[in-house]
Amino acid sequence: MTRQSIREGAVNTSIHPGLRAMKKSQLLERIASAAGELFLSKGYVAVTMEQVAVQADVSKRTLYKYFPAKEAILAHLLEDELAHDLDDRQLGLQDARSFRAGASALLAESATWCEGHSDYLLPYIRYKFSVFEPGADAGSDRGLVPAWEALISAGQRHGELDPNRPAYQLAIYFHYLYLGALMRWITGRDLSLAGEFETVVRLFVEGAAAR
C-alpha cells in the first residue's frame, strides 16, 4: 500500500465501519471543496478533472472512484448547498398544512437561487436525468426530494392530496416536474421561472388531489 493510498483513505478491513465512513465523507468534501474553488475561479466549463485532482491532492484514480464525471462533483456541491439551506426549514416542512402553499414558497426561493446559479443548472440537470435510478434507496436522497416528501406527507395528512400513494413516490414525480420546468426555463429565458414553478404546483395538485 502506498503512502498516497493511505492519505486518500484507502479501505482497511481492520478499520471500524463508522471510521471508514467518516474518512470517506472527509475525502469527498475535500474533493468537492477543491472543485468548487476551481469552478469559481476558472468557470465550470474550463475546469478539468485533472485540475480537480491536483487541487484536491488526490490521484485521478481516487477522484474517478468517487466522482465518475465532473457533473457528479457539481451535483454533490449543489445538493450540499441546498441541503444546508433547507436545514432550518425542516420543522416548518413537517408541520405544513398545505402542500400547495409550502411548495410554492419553497419554489419561490428556488427560483431566486437558480437565477443566481444559471451557469451550473444545465449540466446538473442533464446529469441528474442520466443517473436516475427508480429503485434507489429513499434514504440516499439529497437535495429537494426529502423536502417534497415532507410537504406531500403533510398534504396527505390534511386531506389535500391523495393518501393512497406513497409520499416518496409522489415526491419523485413532483421532483421531475420541477426539473422539467427548469429545463424549459434554461432553454427559453424569455419565460418566467417563477411562473413555470407555479404551473408545476398547479398541475401536480390538481392531478394528485384527494377526491
Protein backbone atom coordinates (compact mmCIF):
# COMPACT_ATOMS: atom_id res chain seq x y z
CA MET A 1 0.00 0.00 0.00
CA THR A 2 1.43 3.37 -0.98
CA ARG A 3 1.60 6.45 1.22
CA GLN A 4 -0.77 8.19 -1.19
CA SER A 5 -3.41 5.48 -0.86
CA ILE A 6 -3.18 5.73 2.92
CA ARG A 7 -3.53 9.52 2.75
CA GLU A 8 -6.55 9.23 0.46
CA GLY A 9 -8.40 6.93 2.82
CA ALA A 10 -7.87 3.50 1.28
CA VAL A 11 -10.19 0.93 2.87
CA ASN A 12 -8.60 -1.19 5.59
CA THR A 13 -10.67 -4.11 6.81
CA SER A 14 -9.39 -3.52 10.34
CA ILE A 15 -10.90 -0.02 10.45
CA HIS A 16 -14.28 0.32 12.16
CA PRO A 17 -17.10 0.88 9.56
CA GLY A 18 -18.04 4.17 11.19
CA LEU A 19 -14.47 5.44 10.90
CA ARG A 20 -14.29 4.36 7.25
CA ALA A 21 -17.50 6.26 6.52
CA MET A 22 -16.13 9.36 8.24
CA LYS A 23 -12.85 9.18 6.28
CA LYS A 24 -14.78 8.77 3.03
CA SER A 25 -17.00 11.73 3.87
CA GLN A 26 -13.96 13.88 4.63
CA LEU A 27 -12.35 12.86 1.35
CA LEU A 28 -15.50 13.67 -0.64
CA GLU A 29 -15.74 17.08 1.00
CA ARG A 30 -12.07 17.79 0.27
CA ILE A 31 -12.56 16.96 -3.40
CA ALA A 32 -15.80 18.93 -3.64
CA SER A 33 -14.27 21.95 -1.91
CA ALA A 34 -11.29 21.94 -4.26
CA ALA A 35 -13.57 21.65 -7.29
CA GLY A 36 -15.78 24.47 -6.02
CA GLU A 37 -12.79 26.79 -5.75
CA LEU A 38 -11.82 25.97 -9.33
CA PHE A 39 -15.36 26.44 -10.63
CA LEU A 40 -15.47 29.90 -9.09
CA SER A 41 -12.03 31.00 -10.25
CA LYS A 42 -11.93 29.47 -13.76
CA GLY A 43 -15.58 28.90 -14.63
CA TYR A 44 -17.26 25.48 -14.62
CA VAL A 45 -16.75 24.70 -18.32
CA ALA A 46 -12.99 25.38 -18.24
CA VAL A 47 -12.22 23.11 -15.28
CA THR A 48 -10.93 19.58 -15.96
CA MET A 49 -10.98 16.51 -13.73
CA GLU A 50 -7.17 16.52 -13.81
CA GLN A 51 -7.15 20.04 -12.35
CA VAL A 52 -9.56 18.94 -9.63
CA ALA A 53 -7.30 16.00 -8.72
CA VAL A 54 -4.27 18.31 -8.41
CA GLN A 55 -6.20 20.91 -6.40
CA ALA A 56 -7.56 18.25 -4.02
CA ASP A 57 -4.19 16.45 -3.79
CA VAL A 58 -5.62 13.07 -4.77
CA SER A 59 -4.81 10.66 -7.57
CA LYS A 60 -7.02 10.62 -10.67
CA ARG A 61 -7.89 7.02 -9.81
CA THR A 62 -9.24 8.10 -6.42
CA LEU A 63 -11.11 11.03 -7.95
CA TYR A 64 -12.86 8.86 -10.54
CA LYS A 65 -13.63 6.20 -7.94
CA TYR A 66 -15.92 8.62 -6.12
CA PHE A 67 -16.87 11.03 -8.88
CA PRO A 68 -17.11 9.40 -12.34
CA ALA A 69 -17.61 12.77 -14.04
CA LYS A 70 -17.23 16.48 -13.36
CA GLU A 71 -21.04 16.72 -13.29
CA ALA A 72 -21.09 14.34 -10.33
CA ILE A 73 -18.89 16.75 -8.34
CA LEU A 74 -21.15 19.63 -9.35
CA ALA A 75 -24.22 17.70 -8.20
CA HIS A 76 -22.55 16.95 -4.87
CA LEU A 77 -21.70 20.63 -4.38
CA LEU A 78 -25.10 22.00 -5.34
CA GLU A 79 -27.05 19.44 -3.33
CA ASP A 80 -24.89 20.01 -0.26
CA GLU A 81 -25.52 23.75 -0.51
CA LEU A 82 -29.22 23.11 -0.98
CA ALA A 83 -29.39 20.68 1.94
CA HIS A 84 -27.66 23.24 4.16
CA ASP A 85 -30.15 25.91 3.11
CA LEU A 86 -33.04 23.55 3.87
CA ASP A 87 -31.87 22.57 7.36
CA ASP A 88 -33.62 25.46 9.08
CA ARG A 89 -36.84 24.77 7.17
CA GLN A 90 -37.32 21.12 8.05
CA LEU A 91 -39.59 21.64 11.06
CA GLY A 92 -41.75 24.01 9.06
CA LEU A 93 -41.97 21.49 6.22
CA GLN A 94 -43.08 18.74 8.59
CA ASP A 95 -45.74 20.97 10.16
CA ALA A 96 -47.08 22.46 6.91
CA ARG A 97 -50.83 22.12 6.46
CA SER A 98 -50.89 22.78 2.73
CA PHE A 99 -48.65 21.24 0.10
CA ARG A 100 -49.59 23.97 -2.36
CA ALA A 101 -48.58 26.81 -0.03
CA GLY A 102 -45.42 25.10 1.24
CA ALA A 103 -44.21 24.02 -2.19
CA SER A 104 -44.97 27.42 -3.70
CA ALA A 105 -42.95 29.19 -1.00
CA LEU A 106 -40.02 26.80 -1.40
CA LEU A 107 -40.12 27.10 -5.18
CA ALA A 108 -40.11 30.89 -4.97
CA GLU A 109 -36.85 30.64 -3.04
CA SER A 110 -35.57 28.05 -5.51
CA ALA A 111 -36.31 30.38 -8.44
CA THR A 112 -34.16 33.09 -6.87
CA TRP A 113 -31.38 30.60 -6.15
CA CYS A 114 -31.49 29.11 -9.67
CA GLU A 115 -31.35 32.53 -11.30
CA GLY A 116 -28.10 33.12 -9.42
CA HIS A 117 -26.61 29.75 -10.45
CA SER A 118 -27.81 29.54 -14.04
CA ASP A 119 -24.39 28.53 -15.45
CA TYR A 120 -24.44 25.34 -13.40
CA LEU A 121 -28.02 24.26 -13.99
CA LEU A 122 -27.91 22.67 -17.45
CA PRO A 123 -25.00 20.27 -16.74
CA TYR A 124 -26.52 19.50 -13.34
CA ILE A 125 -29.96 18.65 -14.71
CA ARG A 126 -28.57 16.61 -17.58
CA TYR A 127 -26.54 14.62 -15.08
CA LYS A 128 -29.49 14.02 -12.77
CA PHE A 129 -31.60 12.67 -15.61
CA SER A 130 -28.74 10.47 -16.83
CA VAL A 131 -28.24 8.77 -13.44
CA PHE A 132 -31.91 8.47 -12.48
CA GLU A 133 -32.50 5.15 -10.69
CA PRO A 134 -36.19 4.40 -9.96
CA GLY A 135 -35.27 1.73 -7.42
CA ALA A 136 -32.79 3.83 -5.46
CA ASP A 137 -32.99 3.84 -1.67
CA ALA A 138 -35.08 6.77 -0.44
CA GLY A 139 -32.65 7.32 2.40
CA SER A 140 -29.87 8.14 -0.08
CA ASP A 141 -31.68 11.18 -1.48
CA ARG A 142 -30.16 14.59 -1.07
CA GLY A 143 -31.41 17.98 -2.06
CA LEU A 144 -35.08 18.73 -2.58
CA VAL A 145 -36.71 15.28 -2.75
CA PRO A 146 -36.91 14.89 1.06
CA ALA A 147 -38.48 18.37 1.26
CA TRP A 148 -41.12 17.45 -1.33
CA GLU A 149 -41.79 14.21 0.55
CA ALA A 150 -42.33 16.08 3.85
CA LEU A 151 -44.71 18.54 2.20
CA ILE A 152 -46.63 15.80 0.39
CA SER A 153 -46.97 13.78 3.61
CA ALA A 154 -48.39 16.87 5.31
CA GLY A 155 -50.80 17.43 2.41
CA GLN A 156 -51.93 13.80 2.66
CA ARG A 157 -52.48 14.03 6.41
CA HIS A 158 -54.65 17.13 5.99
CA GLY A 159 -56.74 15.78 3.12
CA GLU A 160 -55.27 17.97 0.38
CA LEU A 161 -53.53 15.13 -1.50
CA ASP A 162 -54.50 11.53 -2.20
CA PRO A 163 -53.14 9.37 0.68
CA ASN A 164 -53.28 6.13 -1.32
CA ARG A 165 -49.86 6.55 -2.95
CA PRO A 166 -46.55 6.57 -1.07
CA ALA A 167 -45.37 10.12 -0.37
CA TYR A 168 -41.88 9.27 -1.61
CA GLN A 169 -43.24 8.06 -4.96
CA LEU A 170 -45.18 11.29 -5.41
CA ALA A 171 -42.10 13.28 -4.35
CA ILE A 172 -40.12 11.69 -7.19
CA TYR A 173 -42.89 12.57 -9.66
CA PHE A 174 -43.00 16.14 -8.43
CA HIS A 175 -39.23 16.49 -8.50
CA TYR A 176 -39.04 15.57 -12.16
CA LEU A 177 -41.81 18.04 -12.95
CA TYR A 178 -39.63 20.58 -11.16
CA LEU A 179 -36.58 19.61 -13.23
CA GLY A 180 -38.70 19.77 -16.39
CA ALA A 181 -39.71 23.33 -15.55
CA LEU A 182 -36.06 24.22 -15.06
CA MET A 183 -35.21 22.73 -18.47
CA ARG A 184 -37.90 24.83 -20.14
CA TRP A 185 -36.58 27.97 -18.48
CA ILE A 186 -32.94 27.25 -19.31
CA THR A 187 -33.73 26.76 -22.98
CA GLY A 188 -36.18 29.66 -23.16
CA ARG A 189 -35.01 32.52 -20.98
CA ASP A 190 -37.94 34.67 -22.06
CA LEU A 191 -40.01 32.50 -19.70
CA SER A 192 -40.59 33.36 -16.05
CA LEU A 193 -39.09 30.66 -13.84
CA ALA A 194 -41.48 31.59 -11.03
CA GLY A 195 -44.35 31.21 -13.49
CA GLU A 196 -43.09 27.81 -14.61
CA PHE A 197 -42.94 26.66 -10.99
CA GLU A 198 -46.48 27.89 -10.33
CA THR A 199 -47.67 25.80 -13.28
CA VAL A 200 -45.90 22.73 -11.91
CA VAL A 201 -47.57 23.08 -8.50
CA ARG A 202 -50.99 23.59 -10.07
CA LEU A 203 -50.62 20.58 -12.36
CA PHE A 204 -49.38 18.35 -9.56
CA VAL A 205 -52.04 19.30 -7.02
CA GLU A 206 -54.92 19.05 -9.44
CA GLY A 207 -53.68 15.68 -10.64
CA ALA A 208 -52.99 14.23 -7.18
CA ALA A 209 -55.75 15.89 -5.13
CA ALA A 210 -57.88 13.66 -2.93
CA ARG A 211 -61.34 13.09 -4.39
